[in-house]
Amino acid sequence: MDTLLEYSDLQSHLINGREVPTADERTESVEALNPASGDELWTGQAAGPKTVDAAVAAARAAFPDWAKLPTPE
């Protein structure tokens, strides 16, 4: 099977521009599939509540500055 991304053992998450190990005791994997072909794009570790909370907190903190950025014309 060909994968688009080479993340066969992805064990972290991108939060606030940094690769962060999962903060939870979760061990299950998540597969991302190409909806057109059904081919696997990547497999990674599922995020649990602590990891999701960290990502949401980072997004909320970044939002005010991000919202001030000009939009392209």
Protein backbone atom coordinates (compact mmCIF):
# COMPACT_ATOMS: atom_id res chain seq x y z
CA MET A 1 0.00 0.00 0.00
CA ASP A 2 1.33 3.45 -0.96
CA THR A 3 0.90 6.26 1.55
CA LEU A 4 0.94 9.94 0.73
CA LEU A 5 2.74 10.81 3.95
CA GLU A 6 5.37 8.72 5.65
CA TYR A 7 4.00 8.79 9.20
CA SER A 8 3.71 5.12 9.94
CA ASP A 9 4.54 5.63 13.62
CA LEU A 10 3.17 9.10 14.33
CA GLN A 11 2.98 9.45 18.11
CA SER A 12 2.56 13.20 18.53
CA HIS A 13 0.30 16.10 17.60
CA LEU A 14 0.99 19.57 16.18
CA ILE A 15 -0.18 22.11 18.76
CA ASN A 16 0.78 25.79 18.68
CA GLY A 17 3.36 25.11 15.97
CA ARG A 18 5.14 22.42 17.99
CA GLU A 19 5.15 18.68 17.86
CA VAL A 20 3.69 17.61 21.22
CA PRO A 21 3.49 14.04 22.53
CA THR A 22 0.00 12.96 23.42
CA ALA A 23 -0.98 13.94 26.97
CA ASP A 24 -3.31 10.98 27.35
CA GLU A 25 -2.98 7.28 27.94
CA ARG A 26 -4.57 6.49 24.59
CA THR A 27 -3.02 3.77 22.48
CA GLU A 28 -5.46 3.38 19.60
CA SER A 29 -4.50 4.49 16.13
CA VAL A 30 -6.41 6.59 13.63
CA GLU A 31 -6.18 6.10 9.88
CA ALA A 32 -6.74 8.86 7.35
CA LEU A 33 -8.05 7.49 4.08
CA ASN A 34 -8.26 9.01 0.64
CA PRO A 35 -12.02 9.27 0.08
CA ALA A 36 -11.68 8.80 -3.68
CA SER A 37 -9.60 5.63 -3.60
CA GLY A 38 -9.82 4.31 -0.06
CA ASP A 39 -6.01 4.25 0.12
CA GLU A 40 -4.42 4.97 3.47
CA LEU A 41 -2.83 8.42 3.65
CA TRP A 42 -1.36 8.09 7.14
CA THR A 43 -1.81 6.41 10.49
CA GLY A 44 -1.31 8.22 13.78
CA GLN A 45 -2.16 8.15 17.45
CA ALA A 46 -5.64 9.23 18.53
CA ALA A 47 -5.93 12.34 20.71
CA GLY A 48 -7.69 12.10 24.04
CA PRO A 49 -9.36 14.81 26.13
CA LYS A 50 -6.16 16.33 27.58
CA THR A 51 -4.56 16.64 24.15
CA VAL A 52 -7.73 18.10 22.63
CA ASP A 53 -8.02 20.58 25.52
CA ALA A 54 -4.41 21.71 24.92
CA ALA A 55 -5.09 22.20 21.21
CA VAL A 56 -8.30 24.17 21.87
CA ALA A 57 -6.55 26.38 24.46
CA ALA A 58 -3.73 27.12 21.97
CA ALA A 59 -6.24 27.96 19.23
CA ARG A 60 -8.21 30.28 21.53
CA ALA A 61 -5.03 32.06 22.60
CA ALA A 62 -3.92 32.52 18.98
CA PHE A 63 -7.29 33.68 17.66
CA PRO A 64 -7.18 37.41 18.59
CA ASP A 65 -3.90 38.03 16.75
CA TRP A 66 -4.88 35.75 13.88
CA ALA A 67 -8.20 37.59 13.45
CA LYS A 68 -6.31 40.90 12.97
CA LEU A 69 -4.37 39.60 9.96
CA PRO A 70 -5.38 41.18 6.66
CA THR A 71 -7.18 39.02 4.17
CA PRO A 72 -5.73 38.61 0.67
CA GLU A 73 -7.54 40.52 -2.04
